[in-house]
Every structure is written in C-alpha cells, then in structure tokens.
PDB file of all heavy atoms in Angstrom:
ATOM      1  N   ILE A   1     -20.384  14.035  -0.807  1.00  0.00           N
ATOM      2  CA  ILE A   1     -20.563  15.228  -1.633  1.00  0.00           C
ATOM      3  C   ILE A   1     -19.792  14.976  -2.922  1.00  0.00           C
ATOM      4  O   ILE A   1     -18.567  15.069  -2.968  1.00  0.00           O
ATOM      5  CB  ILE A   1     -20.075  16.491  -0.892  1.00  0.00           C
ATOM      6  CG1 ILE A   1     -20.740  16.593   0.492  1.00  0.00           C
ATOM      7  CG2 ILE A   1     -20.335  17.736  -1.735  1.00  0.00           C
ATOM      8  CD1 ILE A   1     -22.270  16.581   0.467  1.00  0.00           C
ATOM      9  N   THR A   2     -20.536  14.615  -3.961  1.00  0.00           N
ATOM     10  CA  THR A   2     -19.965  14.028  -5.167  1.00  0.00           C
ATOM     11  C   THR A   2     -20.271  14.867  -6.396  1.00  0.00           C
ATOM     12  O   THR A   2     -21.421  14.945  -6.822  1.00  0.00           O
ATOM     13  CB  THR A   2     -20.561  12.616  -5.381  1.00  0.00           C
ATOM     14  OG1 THR A   2     -20.436  11.868  -4.170  1.00  0.00           O
ATOM     15  CG2 THR A   2     -19.874  11.895  -6.514  1.00  0.00           C
ATOM     16  N   PRO A   3     -19.244  15.482  -6.987  1.00  0.00           N
ATOM     17  CA  PRO A   3     -19.502  16.175  -8.246  1.00  0.00           C
ATOM     18  C   PRO A   3     -19.867  15.165  -9.338  1.00  0.00           C
ATOM     19  O   PRO A   3     -19.266  14.091  -9.426  1.00  0.00           O
ATOM     20  CB  PRO A   3     -18.189  16.882  -8.561  1.00  0.00           C
ATOM     21  CG  PRO A   3     -17.197  16.432  -7.564  1.00  0.00           C
ATOM     22  CD  PRO A   3     -17.874  15.586  -6.548  1.00  0.00           C
ATOM     23  N   ARG A   4     -20.841  15.507 -10.123  1.00  0.00           N
ATOM     24  CA  ARG A   4     -21.313  14.622 -11.187  1.00  0.00           C
ATOM     25  C   ARG A   4     -20.162  14.224 -12.116  1.00  0.00           C
ATOM     26  O   ARG A   4     -20.090  13.091 -12.597  1.00  0.00           O
ATOM     27  CB  ARG A   4     -22.437  15.305 -11.964  1.00  0.00           C
ATOM     28  CG  ARG A   4     -23.156  14.394 -12.937  1.00  0.00           C
ATOM     29  CD  ARG A   4     -24.454  15.008 -13.453  1.00  0.00           C
ATOM     30  NE  ARG A   4     -25.451  15.022 -12.379  1.00  0.00           N
ATOM     31  CZ  ARG A   4     -25.926  16.133 -11.795  1.00  0.00           C
ATOM     32  NH1 ARG A   4     -25.510  17.313 -12.181  1.00  0.00           N
ATOM     33  NH2 ARG A   4     -26.822  16.065 -10.837  1.00  0.00           N
ATOM     34  N   VAL A   5     -19.240  15.158 -12.358  1.00  0.00           N
ATOM     35  CA  VAL A   5     -18.120  14.872 -13.249  1.00  0.00           C
ATOM     36  C   VAL A   5     -17.267  13.719 -12.719  1.00  0.00           C
ATOM     37  O   VAL A   5     -16.712  12.950 -13.508  1.00  0.00           O
ATOM     38  CB  VAL A   5     -17.277  16.146 -13.513  1.00  0.00           C
ATOM     39  CG1 VAL A   5     -16.526  16.592 -12.264  1.00  0.00           C
ATOM     40  CG2 VAL A   5     -16.320  15.935 -14.670  1.00  0.00           C
ATOM     41  N   LEU A   6     -17.161  13.572 -11.413  1.00  0.00           N
ATOM     42  CA  LEU A   6     -16.412  12.443 -10.850  1.00  0.00           C
ATOM     43  C   LEU A   6     -17.036  11.124 -11.296  1.00  0.00           C
ATOM     44  O   LEU A   6     -16.331  10.207 -11.730  1.00  0.00           O
ATOM     45  CB  LEU A   6     -16.373  12.517  -9.323  1.00  0.00           C
ATOM     46  CG  LEU A   6     -15.810  11.289  -8.599  1.00  0.00           C
ATOM     47  CD1 LEU A   6     -14.367  11.040  -8.977  1.00  0.00           C
ATOM     48  CD2 LEU A   6     -15.959  11.443  -7.093  1.00  0.00           C
ATOM     49  N   LEU A   7     -18.338  11.031 -11.195  1.00  0.00           N
ATOM     50  CA  LEU A   7     -19.022   9.795 -11.595  1.00  0.00           C
ATOM     51  C   LEU A   7     -18.823   9.522 -13.078  1.00  0.00           C
ATOM     52  O   LEU A   7     -18.600   8.378 -13.493  1.00  0.00           O
ATOM     53  CB  LEU A   7     -20.508   9.894 -11.246  1.00  0.00           C
ATOM     54  CG  LEU A   7     -20.809  10.137  -9.770  1.00  0.00           C
ATOM     55  CD1 LEU A   7     -22.305  10.379  -9.557  1.00  0.00           C
ATOM     56  CD2 LEU A   7     -20.312   8.999  -8.917  1.00  0.00           C
ATOM     57  N   ASP A   8     -18.890  10.589 -13.887  1.00  0.00           N
ATOM     58  CA  ASP A   8     -18.685  10.433 -15.329  1.00  0.00           C
ATOM     59  C   ASP A   8     -17.266   9.973 -15.641  1.00  0.00           C
ATOM     60  O   ASP A   8     -17.062   9.060 -16.456  1.00  0.00           O
ATOM     61  CB  ASP A   8     -18.967  11.752 -16.057  1.00  0.00           C
ATOM     62  CG  ASP A   8     -20.423  12.167 -15.985  1.00  0.00           C
ATOM     63  OD1 ASP A   8     -21.289  11.299 -15.703  1.00  0.00           O
ATOM     64  OD2 ASP A   8     -20.706  13.363 -16.190  1.00  0.00           O
ATOM     65  N   LEU A   9     -16.274  10.584 -14.989  1.00  0.00           N
ATOM     66  CA  LEU A   9     -14.877  10.244 -15.277  1.00  0.00           C
ATOM     67  C   LEU A   9     -14.513   8.845 -14.805  1.00  0.00           C
ATOM     68  O   LEU A   9     -13.787   8.119 -15.488  1.00  0.00           O
ATOM     69  CB  LEU A   9     -13.950  11.280 -14.648  1.00  0.00           C
ATOM     70  CG  LEU A   9     -13.977  12.670 -15.277  1.00  0.00           C
ATOM     71  CD1 LEU A   9     -13.200  13.661 -14.425  1.00  0.00           C
ATOM     72  CD2 LEU A   9     -13.450  12.632 -16.713  1.00  0.00           C
ATOM     73  N   ILE A  10     -14.999   8.454 -13.646  1.00  0.00           N
ATOM     74  CA  ILE A  10     -14.710   7.102 -13.152  1.00  0.00           C
ATOM     75  C   ILE A  10     -15.383   6.045 -14.026  1.00  0.00           C
ATOM     76  O   ILE A  10     -14.875   4.950 -14.190  1.00  0.00           O
ATOM     77  CB  ILE A  10     -15.124   6.962 -11.671  1.00  0.00           C
ATOM     78  CG1 ILE A  10     -14.144   7.747 -10.811  1.00  0.00           C
ATOM     79  CG2 ILE A  10     -15.182   5.510 -11.235  1.00  0.00           C
ATOM     80  CD1 ILE A  10     -14.469   7.775  -9.344  1.00  0.00           C
ATOM     81  N   GLY A  11     -16.506   6.409 -14.625  1.00  0.00           N
ATOM     82  CA  GLY A  11     -17.212   5.486 -15.506  1.00  0.00           C
ATOM     83  C   GLY A  11     -16.747   5.530 -16.954  1.00  0.00           C
ATOM     84  O   GLY A  11     -17.307   4.844 -17.807  1.00  0.00           O
ATOM     85  N   ASP A  12     -15.737   6.328 -17.240  1.00  0.00           N
ATOM     86  CA  ASP A  12     -15.239   6.465 -18.608  1.00  0.00           C
ATOM     87  C   ASP A  12     -14.755   5.114 -19.133  1.00  0.00           C
ATOM     88  O   ASP A  12     -14.177   4.321 -18.389  1.00  0.00           O
ATOM     89  CB  ASP A  12     -14.094   7.489 -18.635  1.00  0.00           C
ATOM     90  CG  ASP A  12     -13.797   7.959 -20.046  1.00  0.00           C
ATOM     91  OD1 ASP A  12     -13.203   7.170 -20.821  1.00  0.00           O
ATOM     92  OD2 ASP A  12     -14.147   9.108 -20.364  1.00  0.00           O
ATOM     93  N   ARG A  13     -14.961   4.863 -20.409  1.00  0.00           N
ATOM     94  CA  ARG A  13     -14.530   3.595 -21.021  1.00  0.00           C
ATOM     95  C   ARG A  13     -13.012   3.483 -21.124  1.00  0.00           C
ATOM     96  O   ARG A  13     -12.476   2.380 -21.223  1.00  0.00           O
ATOM     97  CB  ARG A  13     -15.148   3.449 -22.406  1.00  0.00           C
ATOM     98  CG  ARG A  13     -16.628   3.217 -22.354  1.00  0.00           C
ATOM     99  CD  ARG A  13     -17.186   3.055 -23.727  1.00  0.00           C
ATOM    100  NE  ARG A  13     -18.642   2.957 -23.642  1.00  0.00           N
ATOM    101  CZ  ARG A  13     -19.392   2.523 -24.606  1.00  0.00           C
ATOM    102  NH1 ARG A  13     -18.860   2.134 -25.746  1.00  0.00           N
ATOM    103  NH2 ARG A  13     -20.698   2.464 -24.453  1.00  0.00           N
ATOM    104  N   ASP A  14     -12.338   4.617 -21.111  1.00  0.00           N
ATOM    105  CA  ASP A  14     -10.875   4.629 -21.130  1.00  0.00           C
ATOM    106  C   ASP A  14     -10.408   4.277 -19.719  1.00  0.00           C
ATOM    107  O   ASP A  14     -10.437   5.108 -18.815  1.00  0.00           O
ATOM    108  CB  ASP A  14     -10.388   6.015 -21.558  1.00  0.00           C
ATOM    109  CG  ASP A  14      -8.873   6.140 -21.602  1.00  0.00           C
ATOM    110  OD1 ASP A  14      -8.177   5.334 -20.931  1.00  0.00           O
ATOM    111  OD2 ASP A  14      -8.385   7.061 -22.274  1.00  0.00           O
ATOM    112  N   ARG A  15     -10.000   3.021 -19.509  1.00  0.00           N
ATOM    113  CA  ARG A  15      -9.651   2.539 -18.166  1.00  0.00           C
ATOM    114  C   ARG A  15      -8.449   3.276 -17.585  1.00  0.00           C
ATOM    115  O   ARG A  15      -8.371   3.498 -16.378  1.00  0.00           O
ATOM    116  CB  ARG A  15      -9.378   1.031 -18.183  1.00  0.00           C
ATOM    117  CG  ARG A  15     -10.576   0.155 -18.465  1.00  0.00           C
ATOM    118  CD  ARG A  15     -11.808   0.410 -17.608  1.00  0.00           C
ATOM    119  NE  ARG A  15     -11.533   0.559 -16.189  1.00  0.00           N
ATOM    120  CZ  ARG A  15     -12.324   1.184 -15.323  1.00  0.00           C
ATOM    121  NH1 ARG A  15     -13.454   1.722 -15.719  1.00  0.00           N
ATOM    122  NH2 ARG A  15     -12.003   1.266 -14.061  1.00  0.00           N
ATOM    123  N   ALA A  16      -7.513   3.677 -18.410  1.00  0.00           N
ATOM    124  CA  ALA A  16      -6.342   4.402 -17.909  1.00  0.00           C
ATOM    125  C   ALA A  16      -6.790   5.759 -17.347  1.00  0.00           C
ATOM    126  O   ALA A  16      -6.341   6.171 -16.270  1.00  0.00           O
ATOM    127  CB  ALA A  16      -5.300   4.583 -19.004  1.00  0.00           C
ATOM    128  N   LYS A  17      -7.669   6.441 -18.072  1.00  0.00           N
ATOM    129  CA  LYS A  17      -8.194   7.725 -17.598  1.00  0.00           C
ATOM    130  C   LYS A  17      -8.973   7.523 -16.306  1.00  0.00           C
ATOM    131  O   LYS A  17      -8.781   8.238 -15.323  1.00  0.00           O
ATOM    132  CB  LYS A  17      -9.107   8.347 -18.658  1.00  0.00           C
ATOM    133  CG  LYS A  17      -9.743   9.652 -18.194  1.00  0.00           C
ATOM    134  CD  LYS A  17     -10.908  10.123 -19.070  1.00  0.00           C
ATOM    135  CE  LYS A  17     -10.456  10.605 -20.395  1.00  0.00           C
ATOM    136  NZ  LYS A  17     -11.577  11.210 -21.176  1.00  0.00           N
ATOM    137  N   SER A  18      -9.841   6.540 -16.292  1.00  0.00           N
ATOM    138  CA  SER A  18     -10.642   6.237 -15.111  1.00  0.00           C
ATOM    139  C   SER A  18      -9.747   5.937 -13.906  1.00  0.00           C
ATOM    140  O   SER A  18      -9.998   6.422 -12.798  1.00  0.00           O
ATOM    141  CB  SER A  18     -11.567   5.052 -15.400  1.00  0.00           C
ATOM    142  OG  SER A  18     -12.255   4.664 -14.242  1.00  0.00           O
ATOM    143  N   ASP A  19      -8.689   5.151 -14.130  1.00  0.00           N
ATOM    144  CA  ASP A  19      -7.769   4.803 -13.041  1.00  0.00           C
ATOM    145  C   ASP A  19      -7.026   6.034 -12.521  1.00  0.00           C
ATOM    146  O   ASP A  19      -6.800   6.166 -11.312  1.00  0.00           O
ATOM    147  CB  ASP A  19      -6.773   3.739 -13.501  1.00  0.00           C
ATOM    148  CG  ASP A  19      -7.408   2.359 -13.643  1.00  0.00           C
ATOM    149  OD1 ASP A  19      -8.539   2.163 -13.133  1.00  0.00           O
ATOM    150  OD2 ASP A  19      -6.767   1.489 -14.265  1.00  0.00           O
ATOM    151  N   ARG A  20      -6.612   6.948 -13.415  1.00  0.00           N
ATOM    152  CA  ARG A  20      -5.936   8.175 -12.979  1.00  0.00           C
ATOM    153  C   ARG A  20      -6.868   9.036 -12.120  1.00  0.00           C
ATOM    154  O   ARG A  20      -6.463   9.580 -11.090  1.00  0.00           O
ATOM    155  CB  ARG A  20      -5.438   8.979 -14.186  1.00  0.00           C
ATOM    156  CG  ARG A  20      -4.261   8.364 -14.906  1.00  0.00           C
ATOM    157  CD  ARG A  20      -3.654   9.316 -15.920  1.00  0.00           C
ATOM    158  NE  ARG A  20      -4.595   9.868 -16.887  1.00  0.00           N
ATOM    159  CZ  ARG A  20      -4.901   9.315 -18.056  1.00  0.00           C
ATOM    160  NH1 ARG A  20      -4.341   8.148 -18.415  1.00  0.00           N
ATOM    161  NH2 ARG A  20      -5.745   9.898 -18.880  1.00  0.00           N
ATOM    162  N   VAL A  21      -8.115   9.118 -12.533  1.00  0.00           N
ATOM    163  CA  VAL A  21      -9.097   9.907 -11.781  1.00  0.00           C
ATOM    164  C   VAL A  21      -9.349   9.258 -10.421  1.00  0.00           C
ATOM    165  O   VAL A  21      -9.387   9.946  -9.394  1.00  0.00           O
ATOM    166  CB  VAL A  21     -10.411  10.057 -12.584  1.00  0.00           C
ATOM    167  CG1 VAL A  21     -11.514  10.659 -11.721  1.00  0.00           C
ATOM    168  CG2 VAL A  21     -10.174  10.902 -13.833  1.00  0.00           C
ATOM    169  N   MET A  22      -9.491   7.937 -10.391  1.00  0.00           N
ATOM    170  CA  MET A  22      -9.706   7.236  -9.125  1.00  0.00           C
ATOM    171  C   MET A  22      -8.523   7.453  -8.192  1.00  0.00           C
ATOM    172  O   MET A  22      -8.704   7.733  -6.998  1.00  0.00           O
ATOM    173  CB  MET A  22      -9.929   5.749  -9.370  1.00  0.00           C
ATOM    174  CG  MET A  22     -10.111   4.944  -8.092  1.00  0.00           C
ATOM    175  SD  MET A  22     -11.595   5.384  -7.165  1.00  0.00           S
ATOM    176  CE  MET A  22     -12.810   4.468  -8.080  1.00  0.00           C
ATOM    177  N   ALA A  23      -7.309   7.338  -8.703  1.00  0.00           N
ATOM    178  CA  ALA A  23      -6.121   7.541  -7.878  1.00  0.00           C
ATOM    179  C   ALA A  23      -6.092   8.965  -7.312  1.00  0.00           C
ATOM    180  O   ALA A  23      -5.758   9.164  -6.139  1.00  0.00           O
ATOM    181  CB  ALA A  23      -4.865   7.254  -8.690  1.00  0.00           C
ATOM    182  N   ALA A  24      -6.458   9.941  -8.105  1.00  0.00           N
ATOM    183  CA  ALA A  24      -6.497  11.331  -7.634  1.00  0.00           C
ATOM    184  C   ALA A  24      -7.563  11.499  -6.552  1.00  0.00           C
ATOM    185  O   ALA A  24      -7.317  12.113  -5.508  1.00  0.00           O
ATOM    186  CB  ALA A  24      -6.759  12.281  -8.801  1.00  0.00           C
ATOM    187  N   MET A  25      -8.731  10.950  -6.775  1.00  0.00           N
ATOM    188  CA  MET A  25      -9.828  11.059  -5.817  1.00  0.00           C
ATOM    189  C   MET A  25      -9.472  10.418  -4.477  1.00  0.00           C
ATOM    190  O   MET A  25      -9.800  10.942  -3.419  1.00  0.00           O
ATOM    191  CB  MET A  25     -11.095  10.412  -6.389  1.00  0.00           C
ATOM    192  CG  MET A  25     -12.345  10.599  -5.563  1.00  0.00           C
ATOM    193  SD  MET A  25     -12.730   9.262  -4.398  1.00  0.00           S
ATOM    194  CE  MET A  25     -12.676   7.818  -5.400  1.00  0.00           C
ATOM    195  N   LEU A  26      -8.756   9.313  -4.513  1.00  0.00           N
ATOM    196  CA  LEU A  26      -8.397   8.607  -3.289  1.00  0.00           C
ATOM    197  C   LEU A  26      -7.450   9.408  -2.397  1.00  0.00           C
ATOM    198  O   LEU A  26      -7.318   9.117  -1.212  1.00  0.00           O
ATOM    199  CB  LEU A  26      -7.783   7.239  -3.622  1.00  0.00           C
ATOM    200  CG  LEU A  26      -8.774   6.203  -4.165  1.00  0.00           C
ATOM    201  CD1 LEU A  26      -8.033   4.967  -4.661  1.00  0.00           C
ATOM    202  CD2 LEU A  26      -9.821   5.847  -3.131  1.00  0.00           C
ATOM    203  N   ARG A  27      -6.799  10.425  -2.952  1.00  0.00           N
ATOM    204  CA  ARG A  27      -5.910  11.288  -2.170  1.00  0.00           C
ATOM    205  C   ARG A  27      -6.637  12.512  -1.597  1.00  0.00           C
ATOM    206  O   ARG A  27      -6.040  13.312  -0.883  1.00  0.00           O
ATOM    207  CB  ARG A  27      -4.737  11.751  -3.040  1.00  0.00           C
ATOM    208  CG  ARG A  27      -3.792  10.629  -3.428  1.00  0.00           C
ATOM    209  CD  ARG A  27      -2.553  11.153  -4.130  1.00  0.00           C
ATOM    210  NE  ARG A  27      -2.843  11.866  -5.368  1.00  0.00           N
ATOM    211  CZ  ARG A  27      -2.898  11.318  -6.587  1.00  0.00           C
ATOM    212  NH1 ARG A  27      -2.707  10.019  -6.725  1.00  0.00           N
ATOM    213  NH2 ARG A  27      -3.130  12.058  -7.642  1.00  0.00           N
ATOM    214  N   MET A  28      -7.906  12.677  -1.910  1.00  0.00           N
ATOM    215  CA  MET A  28      -8.648  13.876  -1.521  1.00  0.00           C
ATOM    216  C   MET A  28      -9.521  13.634  -0.298  1.00  0.00           C
ATOM    217  O   MET A  28      -9.864  12.509   0.026  1.00  0.00           O
ATOM    218  CB  MET A  28      -9.571  14.322  -2.672  1.00  0.00           C
ATOM    219  CG  MET A  28      -8.870  14.714  -3.917  1.00  0.00           C
ATOM    220  SD  MET A  28     -10.083  15.177  -5.190  1.00  0.00           S
ATOM    221  CE  MET A  28      -9.012  15.327  -6.610  1.00  0.00           C
ATOM    222  N   GLN A  29      -9.862  14.719   0.351  1.00  0.00           N
ATOM    223  CA  GLN A  29     -10.979  14.732   1.285  1.00  0.00           C
ATOM    224  C   GLN A  29     -12.131  15.347   0.501  1.00  0.00           C
ATOM    225  O   GLN A  29     -12.850  14.621  -0.170  1.00  0.00           O
ATOM    226  CB  GLN A  29     -10.635  15.492   2.560  1.00  0.00           C
ATOM    227  CG  GLN A  29      -9.706  14.693   3.458  1.00  0.00           C
ATOM    228  CD  GLN A  29      -9.483  15.333   4.801  1.00  0.00           C
ATOM    229  OE1 GLN A  29      -9.021  16.451   4.903  1.00  0.00           O
ATOM    230  NE2 GLN A  29      -9.816  14.596   5.837  1.00  0.00           N
ATOM    231  N   LYS A  30     -12.285  16.670   0.542  1.00  0.00           N
ATOM    232  CA  LYS A  30     -13.274  17.328  -0.315  1.00  0.00           C
ATOM    233  C   LYS A  30     -12.800  17.173  -1.752  1.00  0.00           C
ATOM    234  O   LYS A  30     -11.626  17.335  -2.050  1.00  0.00           O
ATOM    235  CB  LYS A  30     -13.402  18.807   0.061  1.00  0.00           C
ATOM    236  CG  LYS A  30     -14.380  19.560  -0.811  1.00  0.00           C
ATOM    237  CD  LYS A  30     -14.512  21.004  -0.394  1.00  0.00           C
ATOM    238  CE  LYS A  30     -13.264  21.761  -0.712  1.00  0.00           C
ATOM    239  NZ  LYS A  30     -13.375  23.200  -0.473  1.00  0.00           N
ATOM    240  N   ILE A  31     -13.704  16.854  -2.645  1.00  0.00           N
ATOM    241  CA  ILE A  31     -13.352  16.622  -4.039  1.00  0.00           C
ATOM    242  C   ILE A  31     -13.053  17.949  -4.732  1.00  0.00           C
ATOM    243  O   ILE A  31     -13.818  18.903  -4.628  1.00  0.00           O
ATOM    244  CB  ILE A  31     -14.491  15.878  -4.778  1.00  0.00           C
ATOM    245  CG1 ILE A  31     -14.789  14.533  -4.109  1.00  0.00           C
ATOM    246  CG2 ILE A  31     -14.160  15.699  -6.257  1.00  0.00           C
ATOM    247  CD1 ILE A  31     -13.648  13.547  -4.067  1.00  0.00           C
ATOM    248  N   ASP A  32     -11.936  17.959  -5.452  1.00  0.00           N
ATOM    249  CA  ASP A  32     -11.502  19.121  -6.228  1.00  0.00           C
ATOM    250  C   ASP A  32     -11.674  18.770  -7.706  1.00  0.00           C
ATOM    251  O   ASP A  32     -10.930  17.934  -8.236  1.00  0.00           O
ATOM    252  CB  ASP A  32     -10.045  19.442  -5.900  1.00  0.00           C
ATOM    253  CG  ASP A  32      -9.538  20.662  -6.629  1.00  0.00           C
ATOM    254  OD1 ASP A  32      -9.674  20.740  -7.872  1.00  0.00           O
ATOM    255  OD2 ASP A  32      -8.968  21.545  -5.955  1.00  0.00           O
ATOM    256  N   ILE A  33     -12.639  19.388  -8.343  1.00  0.00           N
ATOM    257  CA  ILE A  33     -12.980  19.046  -9.729  1.00  0.00           C
ATOM    258  C   ILE A  33     -11.805  19.304 -10.668  1.00  0.00           C
ATOM    259  O   ILE A  33     -11.523  18.491 -11.551  1.00  0.00           O
ATOM    260  CB  ILE A  33     -14.238  19.801 -10.189  1.00  0.00           C
ATOM    261  CG1 ILE A  33     -15.458  19.283  -9.406  1.00  0.00           C
ATOM    262  CG2 ILE A  33     -14.447  19.652 -11.696  1.00  0.00           C
ATOM    263  CD1 ILE A  33     -16.736  20.062  -9.638  1.00  0.00           C
ATOM    264  N   GLN A  34     -11.093  20.422 -10.492  1.00  0.00           N
ATOM    265  CA  GLN A  34      -9.971  20.715 -11.390  1.00  0.00           C
ATOM    266  C   GLN A  34      -8.899  19.635 -11.299  1.00  0.00           C
ATOM    267  O   GLN A  34      -8.344  19.232 -12.309  1.00  0.00           O
ATOM    268  CB  GLN A  34      -9.379  22.096 -11.091  1.00  0.00           C
ATOM    269  CG  GLN A  34      -8.341  22.522 -12.114  1.00  0.00           C
ATOM    270  CD  GLN A  34      -8.911  22.566 -13.537  1.00  0.00           C
ATOM    271  OE1 GLN A  34      -9.909  23.225 -13.778  1.00  0.00           O
ATOM    272  NE2 GLN A  34      -8.289  21.839 -14.470  1.00  0.00           N
TER     273      GLN A  34
END
C-alpha cells in the first residue's frame, strides 16, 4: 500500500532527501505521508 508521494520522494534527484525519506520509510509499517 504505497502512497504515490513515496515513489516521487524516493525518486527525487536530491539524494540526501531521497535517503532521508527511505530511512523514514524503513522504520514504518503502514506508510505515514506526513
């Protein structure tokens, strides 16, 4: 169950931003968009 924004953020060209989002997602079960 994947919010579209997750895919957009992980694919962001800013690798630092993408890495922060990936690290946050890896701590989740259900994805929290905020």
